[in-house]
Structures are given as C-alpha cells and as structure tokens.
C-alpha cells in the first residue's frame, strides 16, 4: 500500500505483492505523474495494482471513509 509515493520502474520485479496506491493529482511534493508511472510499471510487470487518484494533495483521499472502504475491499480480495 502506498500513499503519495513512487518507485523507480527498474526496482519493480515480477512476483512483488499486489499494490494499492493512493495519489493526489495536486500533490505538492511527489508529482502525480511519478505515482501514476509506478502504478503503470507494476501492471506492466504483471503485478496487481489498484491505483486510486484523487483531487487532494498529500492526504490519502479527500474522503477518508472511501479510502478505508477501498482498502478493506482490496485486502479482502487479495487476502481472501
């Protein structure tokens, strides 16, 4: 799970665990394109990735209840 972060594409290996990434389009610290690129690189490596974009800055989402529900659904799906 990641909140407003990114990974260098060359550090992503097939077989990594599934990822849930939240990233704000208005993040003043980590450009949105870097977070989106991480999600794309994970998918390209065959890794399940749920990428949640929101219009907030560095917070996980403007609607915390929605973020909790998405996280719960992701964990239930991936962990069974």
PDB file of N, CA and C in Angstrom:
ATOM      1  N   UNK A   1       0.846  -1.154   0.000  1.00  0.00           N
ATOM      2  CA  UNK A   1       0.000   0.000   0.000  1.00  0.00           C
ATOM      3  C   UNK A   1       0.893   1.218   0.000  1.00  0.00           C
ATOM      4  N   UNK A   2       0.531   2.177  -0.818  1.00  0.00           N
ATOM      5  CA  UNK A   2       1.331   3.389  -0.886  1.00  0.00           C
ATOM      6  C   UNK A   2       0.447   4.622  -0.854  1.00  0.00           C
ATOM      7  N   UNK A   3       0.940   5.648  -0.211  1.00  0.00           N
ATOM      8  CA  UNK A   3       0.235   6.919  -0.133  1.00  0.00           C
ATOM      9  C   UNK A   3       1.153   8.009  -0.672  1.00  0.00           C
ATOM     10  N   UNK A   4       0.841   8.495  -1.860  1.00  0.00           N
ATOM     11  CA  UNK A   4       1.583   9.602  -2.455  1.00  0.00           C
ATOM     12  C   UNK A   4       3.084   9.320  -2.532  1.00  0.00           C
ATOM     13  N   UNK A   5       3.420   8.211  -3.103  1.00  0.00           N
ATOM     14  CA  UNK A   5       4.826   7.867  -3.282  1.00  0.00           C
ATOM     15  C   UNK A   5       5.048   7.279  -4.658  1.00  0.00           C
ATOM     16  N   UNK A   6       6.268   6.838  -4.887  1.00  0.00           N
ATOM     17  CA  UNK A   6       6.572   6.226  -6.169  1.00  0.00           C
ATOM     18  C   UNK A   6       7.768   5.311  -6.013  1.00  0.00           C
ATOM     19  N   UNK A   7       7.953   4.453  -7.002  1.00  0.00           N
ATOM     20  CA  UNK A   7       9.122   3.573  -7.059  1.00  0.00           C
ATOM     21  C   UNK A   7       9.741   3.722  -8.435  1.00  0.00           C
ATOM     22  N   UNK A   8      11.034   3.614  -8.501  1.00  0.00           N
ATOM     23  CA  UNK A   8      11.694   3.634  -9.797  1.00  0.00           C
ATOM     24  C   UNK A   8      11.319   2.357 -10.540  1.00  0.00           C
ATOM     25  N   UNK A   9      10.941   2.485 -11.789  1.00  0.00           N
ATOM     26  CA  UNK A   9      10.453   1.337 -12.559  1.00  0.00           C
ATOM     27  C   UNK A   9      11.437   0.177 -12.538  1.00  0.00           C
ATOM     28  N   UNK A  10      12.724   0.464 -12.556  1.00  0.00           N
ATOM     29  CA  UNK A  10      13.719  -0.617 -12.595  1.00  0.00           C
ATOM     30  C   UNK A  10      13.842  -1.369 -11.269  1.00  0.00           C
ATOM     31  N   UNK A  11      13.196  -0.872 -10.223  1.00  0.00           N
ATOM     32  CA  UNK A  11      13.236  -1.577  -8.938  1.00  0.00           C
ATOM     33  C   UNK A  11      12.042  -2.506  -8.744  1.00  0.00           C
ATOM     34  N   UNK A  12      11.124  -2.525  -9.705  1.00  0.00           N
ATOM     35  CA  UNK A  12       9.920  -3.354  -9.609  1.00  0.00           C
ATOM     36  C   UNK A  12      10.186  -4.686 -10.291  1.00  0.00           C
ATOM     37  N   UNK A  13       9.995  -5.758  -9.538  1.00  0.00           N
ATOM     38  CA  UNK A  13      10.234  -7.103 -10.058  1.00  0.00           C
ATOM     39  C   UNK A  13       8.922  -7.880 -10.136  1.00  0.00           C
ATOM     40  N   UNK A  14       8.755  -8.691 -11.205  1.00  0.00           N
ATOM     41  CA  UNK A  14       7.585  -9.577 -11.234  1.00  0.00           C
ATOM     42  C   UNK A  14       7.587 -10.438  -9.970  1.00  0.00           C
ATOM     43  N   UNK A  15       6.428 -10.735  -9.461  1.00  0.00           N
ATOM     44  CA  UNK A  15       6.338 -11.514  -8.229  1.00  0.00           C
ATOM     45  C   UNK A  15       6.185 -10.662  -6.982  1.00  0.00           C
ATOM     46  N   UNK A  16       6.289  -9.345  -7.140  1.00  0.00           N
ATOM     47  CA  UNK A  16       6.033  -8.460  -5.996  1.00  0.00           C
ATOM     48  C   UNK A  16       4.581  -8.646  -5.566  1.00  0.00           C
ATOM     49  N   UNK A  17       4.261  -8.350  -4.311  1.00  0.00           N
ATOM     50  CA  UNK A  17       2.868  -8.495  -3.870  1.00  0.00           C
ATOM     51  C   UNK A  17       1.968  -7.451  -4.523  1.00  0.00           C
ATOM     52  N   UNK A  18       0.669  -7.699  -4.515  1.00  0.00           N
ATOM     53  CA  UNK A  18      -0.282  -6.717  -5.050  1.00  0.00           C
ATOM     54  C   UNK A  18      -0.122  -5.370  -4.350  1.00  0.00           C
ATOM     55  N   UNK A  19      -0.488  -4.324  -5.059  1.00  0.00           N
ATOM     56  CA  UNK A  19      -0.311  -2.976  -4.523  1.00  0.00           C
ATOM     57  C   UNK A  19      -1.606  -2.181  -4.595  1.00  0.00           C
ATOM     58  N   UNK A  20      -1.820  -1.372  -3.593  1.00  0.00           N
ATOM     59  CA  UNK A  20      -2.907  -0.398  -3.564  1.00  0.00           C
ATOM     60  C   UNK A  20      -2.241   0.956  -3.379  1.00  0.00           C
ATOM     61  N   UNK A  21      -2.382   1.829  -4.358  1.00  0.00           N
ATOM     62  CA  UNK A  21      -1.717   3.125  -4.331  1.00  0.00           C
ATOM     63  C   UNK A  21      -2.746   4.254  -4.342  1.00  0.00           C
ATOM     64  N   UNK A  22      -2.615   5.189  -3.435  1.00  0.00           N
ATOM     65  CA  UNK A  22      -3.428   6.405  -3.402  1.00  0.00           C
ATOM     66  C   UNK A  22      -2.508   7.570  -3.765  1.00  0.00           C
ATOM     67  N   UNK A  23      -2.954   8.417  -4.678  1.00  0.00           N
ATOM     68  CA  UNK A  23      -2.108   9.562  -5.029  1.00  0.00           C
ATOM     69  C   UNK A  23      -2.976  10.748  -5.441  1.00  0.00           C
ATOM     70  N   UNK A  24      -2.683  11.898  -4.862  1.00  0.00           N
ATOM     71  CA  UNK A  24      -3.422  13.121  -5.172  1.00  0.00           C
ATOM     72  C   UNK A  24      -2.891  13.795  -6.426  1.00  0.00           C
ATOM     73  N   UNK A  25      -3.795  14.218  -7.272  1.00  0.00           N
ATOM     74  CA  UNK A  25      -3.392  14.915  -8.501  1.00  0.00           C
ATOM     75  C   UNK A  25      -2.769  16.270  -8.190  1.00  0.00           C
ATOM     76  N   UNK A  26      -3.025  16.791  -6.998  1.00  0.00           N
ATOM     77  CA  UNK A  26      -2.476  18.088  -6.593  1.00  0.00           C
ATOM     78  C   UNK A  26      -1.394  17.962  -5.532  1.00  0.00           C
ATOM     79  N   UNK A  27      -0.714  16.819  -5.501  1.00  0.00           N
ATOM     80  CA  UNK A  27       0.345  16.586  -4.516  1.00  0.00           C
ATOM     81  C   UNK A  27       1.481  17.577  -4.764  1.00  0.00           C
ATOM     82  N   UNK A  28       1.815  18.425  -3.777  1.00  0.00           N
ATOM     83  CA  UNK A  28       2.862  19.424  -3.979  1.00  0.00           C
ATOM     84  C   UNK A  28       4.280  18.870  -3.809  1.00  0.00           C
ATOM     85  N   UNK A  29       4.408  17.642  -3.305  1.00  0.00           N
ATOM     86  CA  UNK A  29       5.724  17.084  -3.020  1.00  0.00           C
ATOM     87  C   UNK A  29       6.149  16.039  -4.048  1.00  0.00           C
ATOM     88  N   UNK A  30       5.295  15.054  -4.288  1.00  0.00           N
ATOM     89  CA  UNK A  30       5.591  13.997  -5.256  1.00  0.00           C
ATOM     90  C   UNK A  30       4.665  14.190  -6.446  1.00  0.00           C
ATOM     91  N   UNK A  31       5.203  14.534  -7.605  1.00  0.00           N
ATOM     92  CA  UNK A  31       4.350  14.769  -8.773  1.00  0.00           C
ATOM     93  C   UNK A  31       3.461  13.561  -9.073  1.00  0.00           C
ATOM     94  N   UNK A  32       2.219  13.847  -9.425  1.00  0.00           N
ATOM     95  CA  UNK A  32       1.249  12.807  -9.723  1.00  0.00           C
ATOM     96  C   UNK A  32       1.770  11.840 -10.786  1.00  0.00           C
ATOM     97  N   UNK A  33       2.459  12.356 -11.782  1.00  0.00           N
ATOM     98  CA  UNK A  33       2.964  11.505 -12.874  1.00  0.00           C
ATOM     99  C   UNK A  33       3.903  10.414 -12.352  1.00  0.00           C
ATOM    100  N   UNK A  34       4.651  10.684 -11.303  1.00  0.00           N
ATOM    101  CA  UNK A  34       5.541   9.661 -10.739  1.00  0.00           C
ATOM    102  C   UNK A  34       4.742   8.539 -10.087  1.00  0.00           C
ATOM    103  N   UNK A  35       3.705   8.896  -9.346  1.00  0.00           N
ATOM    104  CA  UNK A  35       2.856   7.879  -8.734  1.00  0.00           C
ATOM    105  C   UNK A  35       2.122   7.063  -9.793  1.00  0.00           C
ATOM    106  N   UNK A  36       1.579   7.753 -10.791  1.00  0.00           N
ATOM    107  CA  UNK A  36       0.873   7.064 -11.881  1.00  0.00           C
ATOM    108  C   UNK A  36       1.833   6.145 -12.630  1.00  0.00           C
ATOM    109  N   UNK A  37       3.061   6.600 -12.830  1.00  0.00           N
ATOM    110  CA  UNK A  37       4.071   5.780 -13.505  1.00  0.00           C
ATOM    111  C   UNK A  37       4.406   4.526 -12.720  1.00  0.00           C
ATOM    112  N   UNK A  38       4.399   4.632 -11.392  1.00  0.00           N
ATOM    113  CA  UNK A  38       4.632   3.453 -10.559  1.00  0.00           C
ATOM    114  C   UNK A  38       3.511   2.438 -10.768  1.00  0.00           C
ATOM    115  N   UNK A  39       2.275   2.905 -10.747  1.00  0.00           N
ATOM    116  CA  UNK A  39       1.149   2.011 -10.989  1.00  0.00           C
ATOM    117  C   UNK A  39       1.242   1.338 -12.350  1.00  0.00           C
ATOM    118  N   UNK A  40       1.587   2.107 -13.372  1.00  0.00           N
ATOM    119  CA  UNK A  40       1.722   1.555 -14.725  1.00  0.00           C
ATOM    120  C   UNK A  40       2.849   0.524 -14.791  1.00  0.00           C
ATOM    121  N   UNK A  41       3.964   0.809 -14.121  1.00  0.00           N
ATOM    122  CA  UNK A  41       5.102  -0.118 -14.124  1.00  0.00           C
ATOM    123  C   UNK A  41       4.753  -1.418 -13.397  1.00  0.00           C
ATOM    124  N   UNK A  42       3.992  -1.325 -12.325  1.00  0.00           N
ATOM    125  CA  UNK A  42       3.560  -2.526 -11.617  1.00  0.00           C
ATOM    126  C   UNK A  42       2.703  -3.398 -12.529  1.00  0.00           C
ATOM    127  N   UNK A  43       1.741  -2.790 -13.182  1.00  0.00           N
ATOM    128  CA  UNK A  43       0.866  -3.533 -14.095  1.00  0.00           C
ATOM    129  C   UNK A  43       1.681  -4.137 -15.233  1.00  0.00           C
ATOM    130  N   UNK A  44       2.620  -3.382 -15.777  1.00  0.00           N
ATOM    131  CA  UNK A  44       3.466  -3.885 -16.874  1.00  0.00           C
ATOM    132  C   UNK A  44       4.291  -5.090 -16.429  1.00  0.00           C
ATOM    133  N   UNK A  45       4.623  -5.147 -15.135  1.00  0.00           N
ATOM    134  CA  UNK A  45       5.397  -6.272 -14.599  1.00  0.00           C
ATOM    135  C   UNK A  45       4.496  -7.445 -14.217  1.00  0.00           C
ATOM    136  N   UNK A  46       3.183  -7.293 -14.444  1.00  0.00           N
ATOM    137  CA  UNK A  46       2.251  -8.366 -14.138  1.00  0.00           C
ATOM    138  C   UNK A  46       1.780  -8.392 -12.698  1.00  0.00           C
ATOM    139  N   UNK A  47       1.950  -7.272 -12.010  1.00  0.00           N
ATOM    140  CA  UNK A  47       1.570  -7.178 -10.597  1.00  0.00           C
ATOM    141  C   UNK A  47       0.209  -6.490 -10.501  1.00  0.00           C
ATOM    142  N   UNK A  48      -0.671  -7.065  -9.704  1.00  0.00           N
ATOM    143  CA  UNK A  48      -1.966  -6.437  -9.476  1.00  0.00           C
ATOM    144  C   UNK A  48      -1.752  -5.091  -8.808  1.00  0.00           C
ATOM    145  N   UNK A  49      -2.385  -4.065  -9.360  1.00  0.00           N
ATOM    146  CA  UNK A  49      -2.256  -2.724  -8.786  1.00  0.00           C
ATOM    147  C   UNK A  49      -3.579  -1.988  -8.910  1.00  0.00           C
ATOM    148  N   UNK A  50      -4.120  -1.575  -7.767  1.00  0.00           N
ATOM    149  CA  UNK A  50      -5.264  -0.674  -7.743  1.00  0.00           C
ATOM    150  C   UNK A  50      -4.705   0.717  -7.501  1.00  0.00           C
ATOM    151  N   UNK A  51      -4.871   1.604  -8.474  1.00  0.00           N
ATOM    152  CA  UNK A  51      -4.365   2.975  -8.360  1.00  0.00           C
ATOM    153  C   UNK A  51      -5.565   3.887  -8.142  1.00  0.00           C
ATOM    154  N   UNK A  52      -5.572   4.596  -7.018  1.00  0.00           N
ATOM    155  CA  UNK A  52      -6.673   5.485  -6.669  1.00  0.00           C
ATOM    156  C   UNK A  52      -6.184   6.927  -6.764  1.00  0.00           C
ATOM    157  N   UNK A  53      -6.658   7.620  -7.778  1.00  0.00           N
ATOM    158  CA  UNK A  53      -6.326   9.037  -7.937  1.00  0.00           C
ATOM    159  C   UNK A  53      -7.415   9.861  -7.268  1.00  0.00           C
ATOM    160  N   UNK A  54      -7.010  10.947  -6.631  1.00  0.00           N
ATOM    161  CA  UNK A  54      -7.973  11.867  -6.032  1.00  0.00           C
ATOM    162  C   UNK A  54      -7.462  13.281  -6.219  1.00  0.00           C
ATOM    163  N   UNK A  55      -8.350  14.242  -6.037  1.00  0.00           N
ATOM    164  CA  UNK A  55      -8.020  15.640  -6.314  1.00  0.00           C
ATOM    165  C   UNK A  55      -7.450  16.398  -5.127  1.00  0.00           C
ATOM    166  N   UNK A  56      -6.963  15.676  -4.151  1.00  0.00           N
ATOM    167  CA  UNK A  56      -6.409  16.317  -2.968  1.00  0.00           C
ATOM    168  C   UNK A  56      -4.890  16.379  -3.088  1.00  0.00           C
ATOM    169  N   UNK A  57      -4.248  16.838  -2.061  1.00  0.00           N
ATOM    170  CA  UNK A  57      -2.790  16.946  -2.054  1.00  0.00           C
ATOM    171  C   UNK A  57      -2.139  15.693  -1.524  1.00  0.00           C
ATOM    172  N   UNK A  58      -1.491  15.779  -0.373  1.00  0.00           N
ATOM    173  CA  UNK A  58      -0.717  14.668   0.172  1.00  0.00           C
ATOM    174  C   UNK A  58      -1.530  13.712   1.042  1.00  0.00           C
ATOM    175  N   UNK A  59      -2.751  13.999   1.313  1.00  0.00           N
ATOM    176  CA  UNK A  59      -3.563  13.122   2.149  1.00  0.00           C
ATOM    177  C   UNK A  59      -3.992  11.910   1.341  1.00  0.00           C
ATOM    178  N   UNK A  60      -4.406  10.804   1.999  1.00  0.00           N
ATOM    179  CA  UNK A  60      -4.743   9.575   1.271  1.00  0.00           C
ATOM    180  C   UNK A  60      -5.941   9.748   0.368  1.00  0.00           C
ATOM    181  N   UNK A  61      -6.856  10.584   0.743  1.00  0.00           N
ATOM    182  CA  UNK A  61      -8.028  10.865  -0.085  1.00  0.00           C
ATOM    183  C   UNK A  61      -8.845  11.934   0.613  1.00  0.00           C
ATOM    184  N   UNK A  62      -9.572  12.719  -0.148  1.00  0.00           N
ATOM    185  CA  UNK A  62     -10.404  13.739   0.493  1.00  0.00           C
ATOM    186  C   UNK A  62     -11.520  13.103   1.322  1.00  0.00           C
ATOM    187  N   UNK A  63     -11.912  11.894   0.974  1.00  0.00           N
ATOM    188  CA  UNK A  63     -12.954  11.185   1.700  1.00  0.00           C
ATOM    189  C   UNK A  63     -12.319   9.977   2.379  1.00  0.00           C
ATOM    190  N   UNK A  64     -12.017  10.108   3.659  1.00  0.00           N
ATOM    191  CA  UNK A  64     -11.317   9.050   4.387  1.00  0.00           C
ATOM    192  C   UNK A  64     -12.154   7.773   4.432  1.00  0.00           C
ATOM    193  N   UNK A  65     -13.462   7.902   4.579  1.00  0.00           N
ATOM    194  CA  UNK A  65     -14.312   6.709   4.604  1.00  0.00           C
ATOM    195  C   UNK A  65     -14.190   5.930   3.297  1.00  0.00           C
ATOM    196  N   UNK A  66     -14.128   6.634   2.173  1.00  0.00           N
ATOM    197  CA  UNK A  66     -13.957   5.959   0.886  1.00  0.00           C
ATOM    198  C   UNK A  66     -12.613   5.240   0.833  1.00  0.00           C
ATOM    199  N   UNK A  67     -11.560   5.889   1.327  1.00  0.00           N
ATOM    200  CA  UNK A  67     -10.237   5.259   1.340  1.00  0.00           C
ATOM    201  C   UNK A  67     -10.234   4.006   2.210  1.00  0.00           C
ATOM    202  N   UNK A  68     -10.901   4.062   3.351  1.00  0.00           N
ATOM    203  CA  UNK A  68     -10.987   2.893   4.227  1.00  0.00           C
ATOM    204  C   UNK A  68     -11.750   1.772   3.537  1.00  0.00           C
ATOM    205  N   UNK A  69     -12.858   2.108   2.897  1.00  0.00           N
ATOM    206  CA  UNK A  69     -13.643   1.089   2.195  1.00  0.00           C
ATOM    207  C   UNK A  69     -12.859   0.466   1.049  1.00  0.00           C
ATOM    208  N   UNK A  70     -12.126   1.273   0.293  1.00  0.00           N
ATOM    209  CA  UNK A  70     -11.309   0.745  -0.808  1.00  0.00           C
ATOM    210  C   UNK A  70     -10.204  -0.167  -0.277  1.00  0.00           C
ATOM    211  N   UNK A  71      -9.592   0.237   0.830  1.00  0.00           N
ATOM    212  CA  UNK A  71      -8.537  -0.571   1.436  1.00  0.00           C
ATOM    213  C   UNK A  71      -9.099  -1.896   1.940  1.00  0.00           C
ATOM    214  N   UNK A  72     -10.239  -1.837   2.591  1.00  0.00           N
ATOM    215  CA  UNK A  72     -10.881  -3.048   3.083  1.00  0.00           C
ATOM    216  C   UNK A  72     -11.206  -3.996   1.927  1.00  0.00           C
ATOM    217  N   UNK A  73     -11.794  -3.474   0.858  1.00  0.00           N
ATOM    218  CA  UNK A  73     -12.144  -4.310  -0.294  1.00  0.00           C
ATOM    219  C   UNK A  73     -10.899  -4.910  -0.935  1.00  0.00           C
ATOM    220  N   UNK A  74      -9.836  -4.124  -1.037  1.00  0.00           N
ATOM    221  CA  UNK A  74      -8.585  -4.598  -1.621  1.00  0.00           C
ATOM    222  C   UNK A  74      -8.007  -5.754  -0.791  1.00  0.00           C
ATOM    223  N   UNK A  75      -7.938  -5.563   0.514  1.00  0.00           N
ATOM    224  CA  UNK A  75      -7.367  -6.595   1.388  1.00  0.00           C
ATOM    225  C   UNK A  75      -8.228  -7.859   1.402  1.00  0.00           C
ATOM    226  N   UNK A  76      -9.526  -7.706   1.410  1.00  0.00           N
ATOM    227  CA  UNK A  76     -10.409  -8.872   1.378  1.00  0.00           C
ATOM    228  C   UNK A  76     -10.219  -9.647   0.063  1.00  0.00           C
ATOM    229  N   UNK A  77     -10.123  -8.911  -1.026  1.00  0.00           N
ATOM    230  CA  UNK A  77      -9.943  -9.555  -2.344  1.00  0.00           C
ATOM    231  C   UNK A  77      -8.588 -10.257  -2.434  1.00  0.00           C
ATOM    232  N   UNK A  78      -7.548  -9.589  -1.991  1.00  0.00           N
ATOM    233  CA  UNK A  78      -6.196 -10.132  -2.160  1.00  0.00           C
ATOM    234  C   UNK A  78      -5.819 -11.178  -1.115  1.00  0.00           C
ATOM    235  N   UNK A  79      -6.375 -11.060   0.069  1.00  0.00           N
ATOM    236  CA  UNK A  79      -6.036 -11.995   1.132  1.00  0.00           C
ATOM    237  C   UNK A  79      -7.066 -13.108   1.296  1.00  0.00           C
ATOM    238  N   UNK A  80      -8.191 -12.936   0.616  1.00  0.00           N
ATOM    239  CA  UNK A  80      -9.239 -13.975   0.657  1.00  0.00           C
ATOM    240  C   UNK A  80     -10.032 -13.917   1.828  1.00  0.00           C
TER     241      UNK A  80
END
